C-alpha atoms as a PDB file:
ATOM      1  CA  MET A   1     111.630  23.895  32.743  1.00  0.00           C
ATOM      2  CA  LYS A   2     114.428  25.941  31.150  1.00  0.00           C
ATOM      3  CA  GLY A   3     116.378  25.426  27.965  1.00  0.00           C
ATOM      4  CA  GLY A   4     119.641  26.667  26.565  1.00  0.00           C
ATOM      5  CA  ALA A   5     123.319  26.506  27.311  1.00  0.00           C
ATOM      6  CA  VAL A   6     123.028  28.100  30.756  1.00  0.00           C
ATOM      7  CA  ALA A   7     120.444  25.516  31.780  1.00  0.00           C
ATOM      8  CA  LYS A   8     122.697  22.712  30.566  1.00  0.00           C
ATOM      9  CA  GLU A   9     125.605  24.062  32.601  1.00  0.00           C
ATOM     10  CA  VAL A  10     123.408  24.073  35.699  1.00  0.00           C
ATOM     11  CA  VAL A  11     121.468  20.863  35.071  1.00  0.00           C
ATOM     12  CA  GLU A  12     124.302  18.434  34.312  1.00  0.00           C
ATOM     13  CA  PRO A  13     126.459  18.951  37.426  1.00  0.00           C
ATOM     14  CA  TYR A  14     123.455  18.741  39.752  1.00  0.00           C
ATOM     15  CA  ALA A  15     122.172  15.601  38.021  1.00  0.00           C
ATOM     16  CA  GLN A  16     125.628  14.028  38.251  1.00  0.00           C
ATOM     17  CA  ALA A  17     125.850  14.941  41.937  1.00  0.00           C
ATOM     18  CA  LEU A  18     122.424  13.395  42.493  1.00  0.00           C
ATOM     19  CA  MET A  19     123.607  10.241  40.705  1.00  0.00           C
ATOM     20  CA  ALA A  20     126.734  10.081  42.883  1.00  0.00           C
ATOM     21  CA  ILE A  21     124.594  10.331  46.010  1.00  0.00           C
ATOM     22  CA  ALA A  22     122.175   7.718  44.665  1.00  0.00           C
ATOM     23  CA  GLN A  23     124.961   5.280  43.859  1.00  0.00           C
ATOM     24  CA  SER A  24     126.683   5.747  47.220  1.00  0.00           C
ATOM     25  CA  GLN A  25     123.420   5.076  49.082  1.00  0.00           C
ATOM     26  CA  ASP A  26     122.059   2.399  46.695  1.00  0.00           C
ATOM     27  CA  LEU A  27     119.109   4.628  45.762  1.00  0.00           C
ATOM     28  CA  VAL A  28     119.479   4.822  41.972  1.00  0.00           C
ATOM     29  CA  ASP A  29     116.115   3.184  41.287  1.00  0.00           C
ATOM     30  CA  LYS A  30     114.274   5.101  44.014  1.00  0.00           C
ATOM     31  CA  PHE A  31     115.609   8.439  42.764  1.00  0.00           C
ATOM     32  CA  ASN A  32     114.652   7.416  39.219  1.00  0.00           C
ATOM     33  CA  GLU A  33     111.081   6.805  40.438  1.00  0.00           C
ATOM     34  CA  ASP A  34     111.158  10.154  42.252  1.00  0.00           C
ATOM     35  CA  ALA A  35     112.374  11.914  39.092  1.00  0.00           C
ATOM     36  CA  ALA A  36     109.551  10.327  37.047  1.00  0.00           C
ATOM     37  CA  TYR A  37     107.010  11.363  39.695  1.00  0.00           C
ATOM     38  CA  LEU A  38     108.278  14.954  39.699  1.00  0.00           C
ATOM     39  CA  LEU A  39     108.303  15.152  35.896  1.00  0.00           C
ATOM     40  CA  ASP A  40     104.701  13.917  35.806  1.00  0.00           C
ATOM     41  CA  LEU A  41     103.781  16.638  38.300  1.00  0.00           C
ATOM     42  CA  PHE A  42     105.541  19.339  36.291  1.00  0.00           C
ATOM     43  CA  ASN A  43     104.017  18.169  33.009  1.00  0.00           C
ATOM     44  CA  SER A  44     100.517  18.153  34.471  1.00  0.00           C
ATOM     45  CA  SER A  45     100.755  21.447  36.374  1.00  0.00           C
ATOM     46  CA  SER A  46     102.012  24.589  34.718  1.00  0.00           C
ATOM     47  CA  GLU A  47     100.911  26.407  37.891  1.00  0.00           C
ATOM     48  CA  LEU A  48     103.476  24.444  39.899  1.00  0.00           C
ATOM     49  CA  GLN A  49     106.183  25.300  37.382  1.00  0.00           C
ATOM     50  CA  GLN A  50     105.277  28.991  37.493  1.00  0.00           C
ATOM     51  CA  PHE A  51     105.095  28.976  41.294  1.00  0.00           C
ATOM     52  CA  LEU A  52     108.577  27.467  41.651  1.00  0.00           C
ATOM     53  CA  ALA A  53     110.095  29.647  38.925  1.00  0.00           C
ATOM     54  CA  ASN A  54     108.689  32.903  40.356  1.00  0.00           C
ATOM     55  CA  PRO A  55     111.562  34.810  41.993  1.00  0.00           C
ATOM     56  CA  PHE A  56     109.100  36.688  44.238  1.00  0.00           C
ATOM     57  CA  THR A  57     107.719  33.520  45.824  1.00  0.00           C
ATOM     58  CA  PRO A  58     109.250  33.182  49.305  1.00  0.00           C
ATOM     59  CA  VAL A  59     111.777  30.383  49.752  1.00  0.00           C
ATOM     60  CA  ASP A  60     109.830  28.933  52.683  1.00  0.00           C
ATOM     61  CA  ALA A  61     106.660  28.741  50.553  1.00  0.00           C
ATOM     62  CA  LYS A  62     108.512  26.858  47.800  1.00  0.00           C
ATOM     63  CA  LYS A  63     110.013  24.436  50.318  1.00  0.00           C
ATOM     64  CA  SER A  64     106.619  23.904  51.931  1.00  0.00           C
ATOM     65  CA  VAL A  65     104.941  23.098  48.617  1.00  0.00           C
ATOM     66  CA  LEU A  66     107.729  20.712  47.600  1.00  0.00           C
ATOM     67  CA  GLN A  67     107.496  19.037  51.002  1.00  0.00           C
ATOM     68  CA  GLN A  68     103.721  18.624  50.640  1.00  0.00           C
ATOM     69  CA  ILE A  69     103.775  17.206  47.108  1.00  0.00           C
ATOM     70  CA  GLY A  70     106.499  14.735  47.925  1.00  0.00           C
ATOM     71  CA  SER A  71     106.004  13.827  51.557  1.00  0.00           C
ATOM     72  CA  ASP A  72     104.679  10.325  50.873  1.00  0.00           C
ATOM     73  CA  GLN A  73     106.248   9.714  47.473  1.00  0.00           C
ATOM     74  CA  ILE A  74     109.745  11.161  47.500  1.00  0.00           C
ATOM     75  CA  HIS A  75     112.752   9.833  49.410  1.00  0.00           C
ATOM     76  CA  PRO A  76     113.972  12.157  52.217  1.00  0.00           C
ATOM     77  CA  THR A  77     117.377  12.579  50.532  1.00  0.00           C
ATOM     78  CA  MET A  78     115.640  13.735  47.349  1.00  0.00           C
ATOM     79  CA  GLN A  79     113.531  16.087  49.470  1.00  0.00           C
ATOM     80  CA  ASN A  80     116.753  17.542  50.925  1.00  0.00           C
ATOM     81  CA  PHE A  81     118.150  17.909  47.401  1.00  0.00           C
ATOM     82  CA  MET A  82     115.061  19.869  46.344  1.00  0.00           C
ATOM     83  CA  GLY A  83     115.412  22.086  49.423  1.00  0.00           C
ATOM     84  CA  LEU A  84     119.020  22.774  48.473  1.00  0.00           C
ATOM     85  CA  LEU A  85     117.875  23.771  44.979  1.00  0.00           C
ATOM     86  CA  VAL A  86     115.377  26.217  46.477  1.00  0.00           C
ATOM     87  CA  ASP A  87     118.063  27.712  48.755  1.00  0.00           C
ATOM     88  CA  ARG A  88     120.444  28.181  45.834  1.00  0.00           C
ATOM     89  CA  GLY A  89     117.816  29.596  43.473  1.00  0.00           C
ATOM     90  CA  ARG A  90     118.081  26.597  41.144  1.00  0.00           C
ATOM     91  CA  VAL A  91     114.669  24.991  41.677  1.00  0.00           C
ATOM     92  CA  LEU A  92     113.438  26.209  38.278  1.00  0.00           C
ATOM     93  CA  PHE A  93     115.907  23.720  36.766  1.00  0.00           C
ATOM     94  CA  LEU A  94     114.496  20.756  38.733  1.00  0.00           C
ATOM     95  CA  GLY A  95     112.603  19.338  35.749  1.00  0.00           C
ATOM     96  CA  GLY A  96     115.727  19.434  33.586  1.00  0.00           C
ATOM     97  CA  MET A  97     117.732  17.829  36.374  1.00  0.00           C
ATOM     98  CA  CYS A  98     115.174  15.021  36.645  1.00  0.00           C
ATOM     99  CA  LYS A  99     115.367  14.379  32.885  1.00  0.00           C
ATOM    100  CA  GLN A 100     119.169  14.440  32.978  1.00  0.00           C
ATOM    101  CA  TYR A 101     119.177  12.074  35.960  1.00  0.00           C
ATOM    102  CA  GLN A 102     116.945   9.652  34.031  1.00  0.00           C
ATOM    103  CA  SER A 103     119.353   9.903  31.112  1.00  0.00           C
ATOM    104  CA  LEU A 104     122.256   9.039  33.417  1.00  0.00           C
ATOM    105  CA  VAL A 105     120.332   6.033  34.743  1.00  0.00           C
ATOM    106  CA  ARG A 106     119.698   4.808  31.181  1.00  0.00           C
ATOM    107  CA  GLU A 107     123.399   5.252  30.406  1.00  0.00           C
ATOM    108  CA  LEU A 108     124.348   3.365  33.573  1.00  0.00           C
ATOM    109  CA  ARG A 109     121.990   0.515  32.678  1.00  0.00           C
ATOM    110  CA  GLN A 110     122.861   0.635  28.959  1.00  0.00           C
ATOM    111  CA  VAL A 111     119.262   1.348  28.010  1.00  0.00           C
ATOM    112  CA  VAL A 112     118.338   3.268  24.850  1.00  0.00           C
ATOM    113  CA  LEU A 113     115.499   5.806  24.900  1.00  0.00           C
ATOM    114  CA  ALA A 114     113.223   5.625  21.863  1.00  0.00           C
ATOM    115  CA  GLU A 115     110.824   8.551  21.456  1.00  0.00           C
ATOM    116  CA  VAL A 116     107.801   7.206  19.583  1.00  0.00           C
ATOM    117  CA  THR A 117     105.229   9.496  18.000  1.00  0.00           C
ATOM    118  CA  SER A 118     102.099   7.859  16.627  1.00  0.00           C
ATOM    119  CA  ALA A 119      98.806   8.972  15.109  1.00  0.00           C
ATOM    120  CA  ILE A 120      96.850   7.259  17.904  1.00  0.00           C
ATOM    121  CA  GLU A 121      97.678   6.000  21.396  1.00  0.00           C
ATOM    122  CA  LEU A 122      99.581   2.707  21.174  1.00  0.00           C
ATOM    123  CA  ASN A 123      98.362  -0.307  23.132  1.00  0.00           C
ATOM    124  CA  ASP A 124     100.760  -2.564  25.044  1.00  0.00           C
ATOM    125  CA  GLU A 125     101.071  -5.035  22.172  1.00  0.00           C
ATOM    126  CA  GLN A 126     101.977  -2.265  19.711  1.00  0.00           C
ATOM    127  CA  LYS A 127     104.488  -0.777  22.155  1.00  0.00           C
ATOM    128  CA  GLU A 128     106.148  -4.168  22.514  1.00  0.00           C
ATOM    129  CA  ALA A 129     106.297  -4.517  18.710  1.00  0.00           C
ATOM    130  CA  VAL A 130     107.985  -1.107  18.447  1.00  0.00           C
ATOM    131  CA  ARG A 131     110.394  -2.050  21.246  1.00  0.00           C
ATOM    132  CA  GLN A 132     111.330  -5.278  19.446  1.00  0.00           C
ATOM    133  CA  LYS A 133     111.827  -3.415  16.155  1.00  0.00           C
ATOM    134  CA  VAL A 134     114.179  -0.912  17.818  1.00  0.00           C
ATOM    135  CA  LEU A 135     116.101  -3.763  19.465  1.00  0.00           C
ATOM    136  CA  GLN A 136     116.480  -5.365  16.035  1.00  0.00           C
ATOM    137  CA  LEU A 137     117.393  -2.156  14.174  1.00  0.00           C
ATOM    138  CA  LEU A 138     119.973  -0.876  16.631  1.00  0.00           C
ATOM    139  CA  ASP A 139     121.312  -4.128  18.083  1.00  0.00           C
ATOM    140  CA  VAL A 140     120.963  -2.914  21.681  1.00  0.00           C
ATOM    141  CA  GLN A 141     120.127  -4.775  24.889  1.00  0.00           C
ATOM    142  CA  GLN A 142     117.235  -2.733  26.293  1.00  0.00           C
ATOM    143  CA  VAL A 143     114.861  -0.055  25.024  1.00  0.00           C
ATOM    144  CA  GLU A 144     112.764   2.389  27.005  1.00  0.00           C
ATOM    145  CA  LEU A 145     109.843   3.948  25.141  1.00  0.00           C
ATOM    146  CA  GLU A 146     108.554   7.480  25.542  1.00  0.00           C
ATOM    147  CA  THR A 147     105.332   7.806  23.554  1.00  0.00           C
ATOM    148  CA  SER A 148     103.364  10.782  22.293  1.00  0.00           C
ATOM    149  CA  VAL A 149     100.417  11.232  19.937  1.00  0.00           C
ATOM    150  CA  ASN A 150     100.314  13.451  16.830  1.00  0.00           C
ATOM    151  CA  PRO A 151      97.110  12.988  14.787  1.00  0.00           C
ATOM    152  CA  ASP A 152      98.746  14.808  11.835  1.00  0.00           C
ATOM    153  CA  LEU A 153     100.728  11.640  11.102  1.00  0.00           C
ATOM    154  CA  ILE A 154      97.511  10.044   9.761  1.00  0.00           C
ATOM    155  CA  GLY A 155      98.873   6.575  10.554  1.00  0.00           C
ATOM    156  CA  GLY A 156     102.063   4.742  11.481  1.00  0.00           C
ATOM    157  CA  VAL A 157     104.857   5.899  13.792  1.00  0.00           C
ATOM    158  CA  ILE A 158     107.994   8.001  13.914  1.00  0.00           C
ATOM    159  CA  ILE A 159     110.741   6.600  16.121  1.00  0.00           C
ATOM    160  CA  GLN A 160     113.616   8.786  17.255  1.00  0.00           C
ATOM    161  CA  VAL A 161     116.613   7.310  19.041  1.00  0.00           C
ATOM    162  CA  GLY A 162     119.201   9.975  19.706  1.00  0.00           C
ATOM    163  CA  SER A 163     119.833  11.661  16.371  1.00  0.00           C
ATOM    164  CA  GLN A 164     118.454   8.744  14.324  1.00  0.00           C
ATOM    165  CA  VAL A 165     114.882   9.046  13.039  1.00  0.00           C
ATOM    166  CA  PHE A 166     112.869   6.184  11.568  1.00  0.00           C
ATOM    167  CA  ASP A 167     109.796   7.602   9.840  1.00  0.00           C
ATOM    168  CA  ALA A 168     107.227   4.853   9.264  1.00  0.00           C
ATOM    169  CA  SER A 169     104.294   7.262   9.271  1.00  0.00           C
ATOM    170  CA  LEU A 170     101.753   7.552   6.488  1.00  0.00           C
ATOM    171  CA  ARG A 171     102.541  11.265   6.225  1.00  0.00           C
ATOM    172  CA  GLY A 172     106.243  10.420   5.771  1.00  0.00           C
ATOM    173  CA  GLN A 173     105.471   7.809   3.132  1.00  0.00           C
ATOM    174  CA  LEU A 174     103.279  10.274   1.226  1.00  0.00           C
ATOM    175  CA  ARG A 175     106.009  12.925   1.413  1.00  0.00           C
ATOM    176  CA  ARG A 176     108.621  10.465   0.070  1.00  0.00           C
ATOM    177  CA  LEU A 177     106.246   9.403  -2.703  1.00  0.00           C
ATOM    178  CA  GLY A 178     105.676  13.067  -3.648  1.00  0.00           C
ATOM    179  CA  VAL A 179     109.436  13.723  -3.772  1.00  0.00           C
ATOM    180  CA  SER A 180     109.946  10.599  -5.856  1.00  0.00           C
ATOM    181  CA  LEU A 181     107.212  11.602  -8.303  1.00  0.00           C
ATOM    182  CA  SER A 182     108.445  15.178  -8.643  1.00  0.00           C
ATOM    183  CA  SER A 183     112.022  14.072  -9.306  1.00  0.00           C
ATOM    184  CA  SER A 184     110.915  11.634 -12.023  1.00  0.00           C
ATOM    185  CA  ILE A 185     108.991  14.325 -13.960  1.00  0.00           C
END
């Protein structure tokens, strides 16, 4: 929900505290599911983000909405955590905390996140092929895919793992061909 250095200084300690609680209560997977659920909600509802980020929205209203959206889905300890964030004026960082928590879970499980951008939506078979290629390229044990679509790629995929980028898109190939041709003239 927020970017920058200040957000990072707020997000990381809360995510680490959430991980410590999760590990002590054997809730790492449940909290990971809760984080994914919350991120889906935030990504699909800018109104929810604006509501929670608005400093003029009463604390009780924010808590009530968070209670309603998570009553059946979210673990009570996670609900309490969200209430604490509202009380401390940190709820606008909840999305960032969820992402950071997921990152900590991947680190704990030694899983690599591969962000895959393709020209069209990938089917399950294509996703598995990309997963296998990343496993082969990076010599890692497990890969989690996060996919997005960018029709400007024309065809192919771009895979980003950390700071490494593997551009197997048609647009990338055309760009490399153009650079090669212009340097040979």
